[in-house]
N, C-alpha and C. Protein backbone atom coordinates (compact mmCIF):
# COMPACT_ATOMS: atom_id res chain seq x y z
N MET A 1 41.95 132.73 -48.02
CA MET A 1 41.38 133.13 -46.76
C MET A 1 42.40 133.82 -45.85
N TYR A 2 43.50 133.10 -45.60
CA TYR A 2 44.52 133.63 -44.70
C TYR A 2 45.78 133.87 -45.50
N GLU A 3 46.32 135.08 -45.40
CA GLU A 3 47.50 135.41 -46.16
C GLU A 3 48.73 135.34 -45.24
N ILE A 4 49.76 134.61 -45.67
CA ILE A 4 50.97 134.45 -44.87
C ILE A 4 51.85 135.69 -45.08
N PRO A 5 52.24 136.36 -43.98
CA PRO A 5 53.07 137.55 -44.15
C PRO A 5 54.47 137.18 -44.65
N PRO A 6 55.12 138.07 -45.39
CA PRO A 6 56.47 137.76 -45.89
C PRO A 6 57.47 137.68 -44.73
N LYS A 7 58.49 136.84 -44.92
CA LYS A 7 59.51 136.69 -43.88
C LYS A 7 60.46 137.87 -43.92
N ARG A 8 60.96 138.24 -42.74
CA ARG A 8 61.93 139.32 -42.66
C ARG A 8 63.29 138.80 -43.07
N LYS A 9 64.05 139.64 -43.75
CA LYS A 9 65.37 139.23 -44.20
C LYS A 9 66.46 139.65 -43.21
N VAL A 10 66.14 140.52 -42.29
CA VAL A 10 67.11 140.95 -41.28
C VAL A 10 66.55 140.62 -39.91
N ALA A 11 67.45 140.51 -38.95
CA ALA A 11 67.02 140.20 -37.59
C ALA A 11 66.27 141.41 -37.02
N PRO A 12 65.27 141.16 -36.21
CA PRO A 12 64.55 142.29 -35.62
C PRO A 12 65.45 143.06 -34.67
N ARG A 13 65.13 144.33 -34.45
CA ARG A 13 65.93 145.15 -33.55
C ARG A 13 65.89 144.58 -32.15
N GLY A 14 67.02 144.70 -31.48
CA GLY A 14 67.09 144.20 -30.12
C GLY A 14 67.46 142.74 -30.02
N SER A 15 67.60 142.08 -31.14
CA SER A 15 67.96 140.67 -31.09
C SER A 15 69.45 140.54 -30.89
N VAL A 16 69.87 139.40 -30.41
CA VAL A 16 71.28 139.14 -30.15
C VAL A 16 71.79 138.21 -31.24
N ASN A 17 72.91 138.57 -31.82
CA ASN A 17 73.48 137.70 -32.83
C ASN A 17 74.84 137.19 -32.35
N ARG A 18 75.45 136.34 -33.13
CA ARG A 18 76.70 135.70 -32.74
C ARG A 18 77.82 136.72 -32.52
N ARG A 19 77.88 137.73 -33.39
CA ARG A 19 78.92 138.74 -33.25
C ARG A 19 78.80 139.48 -31.90
N ASP A 20 77.59 139.79 -31.49
CA ASP A 20 77.39 140.46 -30.20
C ASP A 20 77.88 139.59 -29.05
N VAL A 21 77.60 138.30 -29.13
CA VAL A 21 78.02 137.38 -28.07
C VAL A 21 79.55 137.27 -28.05
N GLU A 22 80.17 137.17 -29.22
CA GLU A 22 81.63 137.07 -29.28
C GLU A 22 82.29 138.35 -28.78
N GLU A 23 81.73 139.51 -29.12
CA GLU A 23 82.28 140.77 -28.64
C GLU A 23 82.15 140.88 -27.12
N ALA A 24 81.04 140.46 -26.58
CA ALA A 24 80.85 140.50 -25.12
C ALA A 24 81.84 139.57 -24.42
N ALA A 25 82.08 138.40 -25.00
CA ALA A 25 83.04 137.47 -24.41
C ALA A 25 84.45 138.03 -24.48
N ALA A 26 84.81 138.64 -25.60
CA ALA A 26 86.14 139.24 -25.74
C ALA A 26 86.31 140.40 -24.76
N ARG A 27 85.26 141.20 -24.60
CA ARG A 27 85.30 142.31 -23.66
C ARG A 27 85.49 141.82 -22.23
N ALA A 28 84.82 140.74 -21.87
CA ALA A 28 84.95 140.17 -20.53
C ALA A 28 86.37 139.67 -20.28
N VAL A 29 86.96 139.04 -21.27
CA VAL A 29 88.34 138.56 -21.14
C VAL A 29 89.29 139.75 -21.00
N PHE A 30 89.08 140.80 -21.78
CA PHE A 30 89.92 141.99 -21.70
C PHE A 30 89.83 142.63 -20.33
N VAL A 31 88.62 142.76 -19.80
CA VAL A 31 88.44 143.37 -18.48
C VAL A 31 89.12 142.53 -17.42
N GLU A 32 89.00 141.22 -17.51
CA GLU A 32 89.64 140.34 -16.53
C GLU A 32 91.16 140.48 -16.58
N GLU A 33 91.74 140.54 -17.78
CA GLU A 33 93.18 140.71 -17.91
C GLU A 33 93.62 142.07 -17.40
N LEU A 34 92.82 143.09 -17.63
CA LEU A 34 93.15 144.43 -17.15
C LEU A 34 93.12 144.48 -15.63
N VAL A 35 92.14 143.85 -15.02
CA VAL A 35 92.06 143.80 -13.57
C VAL A 35 93.27 143.06 -13.00
N GLN A 36 93.65 141.95 -13.62
CA GLN A 36 94.82 141.20 -13.18
C GLN A 36 96.09 142.06 -13.28
N ALA A 37 96.22 142.82 -14.36
CA ALA A 37 97.39 143.68 -14.54
C ALA A 37 97.44 144.76 -13.48
N VAL A 38 96.30 145.35 -13.17
CA VAL A 38 96.25 146.40 -12.15
C VAL A 38 96.62 145.83 -10.79
N GLU A 39 96.13 144.64 -10.49
CA GLU A 39 96.39 144.04 -9.18
C GLU A 39 97.81 143.53 -9.03
N SER A 40 98.44 143.09 -10.12
CA SER A 40 99.74 142.43 -9.99
C SER A 40 100.94 143.30 -10.39
N ASP A 41 100.74 144.28 -11.25
CA ASP A 41 101.88 145.07 -11.75
C ASP A 41 101.85 146.47 -11.14
N PRO A 42 102.83 146.81 -10.30
CA PRO A 42 102.82 148.13 -9.67
C PRO A 42 102.98 149.28 -10.67
N ARG A 43 103.64 149.02 -11.82
CA ARG A 43 103.77 150.08 -12.82
C ARG A 43 102.43 150.44 -13.43
N VAL A 44 101.60 149.43 -13.67
CA VAL A 44 100.27 149.68 -14.24
C VAL A 44 99.43 150.45 -13.23
N ARG A 45 99.49 150.04 -11.98
CA ARG A 45 98.73 150.72 -10.94
C ARG A 45 99.17 152.18 -10.81
N ALA A 46 100.48 152.42 -10.84
CA ALA A 46 101.00 153.78 -10.73
C ALA A 46 100.55 154.63 -11.93
N ALA A 47 100.55 154.04 -13.12
CA ALA A 47 100.13 154.77 -14.31
C ALA A 47 98.66 155.15 -14.22
N ILE A 48 97.83 154.25 -13.75
CA ILE A 48 96.40 154.54 -13.61
C ILE A 48 96.18 155.61 -12.54
N LEU A 49 96.90 155.52 -11.43
CA LEU A 49 96.76 156.53 -10.39
C LEU A 49 97.20 157.90 -10.89
N ARG A 50 98.24 157.94 -11.74
CA ARG A 50 98.66 159.22 -12.32
C ARG A 50 97.57 159.79 -13.21
N LEU A 51 96.94 158.92 -14.00
CA LEU A 51 95.87 159.40 -14.87
C LEU A 51 94.69 159.92 -14.07
N VAL A 52 94.34 159.23 -13.01
CA VAL A 52 93.21 159.65 -12.18
C VAL A 52 93.53 160.97 -11.49
N ALA A 53 94.78 161.11 -11.03
CA ALA A 53 95.19 162.33 -10.34
C ALA A 53 95.34 163.51 -11.29
N GLY A 54 95.46 163.23 -12.57
CA GLY A 54 95.58 164.30 -13.55
C GLY A 54 97.00 164.71 -13.83
N THR A 55 97.98 164.05 -13.25
CA THR A 55 99.37 164.38 -13.54
C THR A 55 99.86 163.47 -14.65
N ARG A 56 100.77 163.98 -15.43
CA ARG A 56 101.31 163.21 -16.53
C ARG A 56 102.80 163.05 -16.36
N ARG A 57 103.29 161.96 -16.86
CA ARG A 57 104.71 161.72 -16.84
C ARG A 57 105.39 162.63 -17.85
N ALA A 58 106.59 163.04 -17.54
CA ALA A 58 107.32 163.90 -18.47
C ALA A 58 107.54 163.14 -19.78
N PRO A 59 107.29 163.79 -20.89
CA PRO A 59 107.48 163.09 -22.17
C PRO A 59 108.95 162.80 -22.41
N GLY A 60 109.19 161.75 -23.15
CA GLY A 60 110.56 161.38 -23.48
C GLY A 60 111.14 162.32 -24.52
N PRO A 61 112.39 162.16 -24.82
CA PRO A 61 113.01 163.04 -25.81
C PRO A 61 112.40 162.82 -27.19
N THR A 62 112.25 163.89 -27.90
CA THR A 62 111.67 163.80 -29.24
C THR A 62 112.66 164.37 -30.24
N THR A 63 112.53 163.95 -31.46
CA THR A 63 113.38 164.49 -32.51
C THR A 63 112.57 165.50 -33.30
N MET A 64 113.21 166.55 -33.67
CA MET A 64 112.52 167.59 -34.43
C MET A 64 112.52 167.21 -35.91
N ALA A 65 111.41 167.31 -36.52
CA ALA A 65 111.31 167.04 -37.95
C ALA A 65 111.81 168.26 -38.71
N THR A 66 112.49 168.04 -39.79
CA THR A 66 112.96 169.16 -40.59
C THR A 66 111.78 169.75 -41.35
N VAL A 67 111.76 171.04 -41.39
CA VAL A 67 110.68 171.73 -42.08
C VAL A 67 111.23 172.21 -43.41
N ARG A 68 110.60 171.80 -44.47
CA ARG A 68 111.03 172.23 -45.79
C ARG A 68 110.16 173.40 -46.22
N ARG A 69 110.83 174.45 -46.53
CA ARG A 69 110.11 175.63 -46.96
C ARG A 69 110.20 175.75 -48.47
N GLY A 70 109.11 176.11 -49.02
CA GLY A 70 109.09 176.26 -50.47
C GLY A 70 109.92 177.48 -50.87
N GLY A 71 110.78 177.27 -51.80
CA GLY A 71 111.63 178.37 -52.24
C GLY A 71 111.31 178.75 -53.68
N GLY A 72 112.14 179.54 -54.22
CA GLY A 72 111.96 179.95 -55.61
C GLY A 72 112.17 178.78 -56.55
N GLY A 73 112.13 178.99 -57.71
CA GLY A 73 112.43 177.88 -58.55
C GLY A 73 111.99 178.02 -59.90
C-alpha cells in the first residue's frame, strides 16, 4: 500500500555538518586574534594602514639567481 522512499546517502544541501562548525569556530578565533594584534601591536597597525593607503614598504635586498644559458655541446 505505502512505499517507503529510499534514504539519502548524503546530507541535503544547506545542512550544517561538523566540519562547517569547526571551520566557523576556527575562523572566529583567527579574527579575534587578528583584532587583538591590530589593537596591541603598532607594527601590525602600521602595516595595515600602509596596505589601505596603497603604499608599500621598500623590498629588502635580494640575491640574483644565476641564469644558465644553453650552449653548444
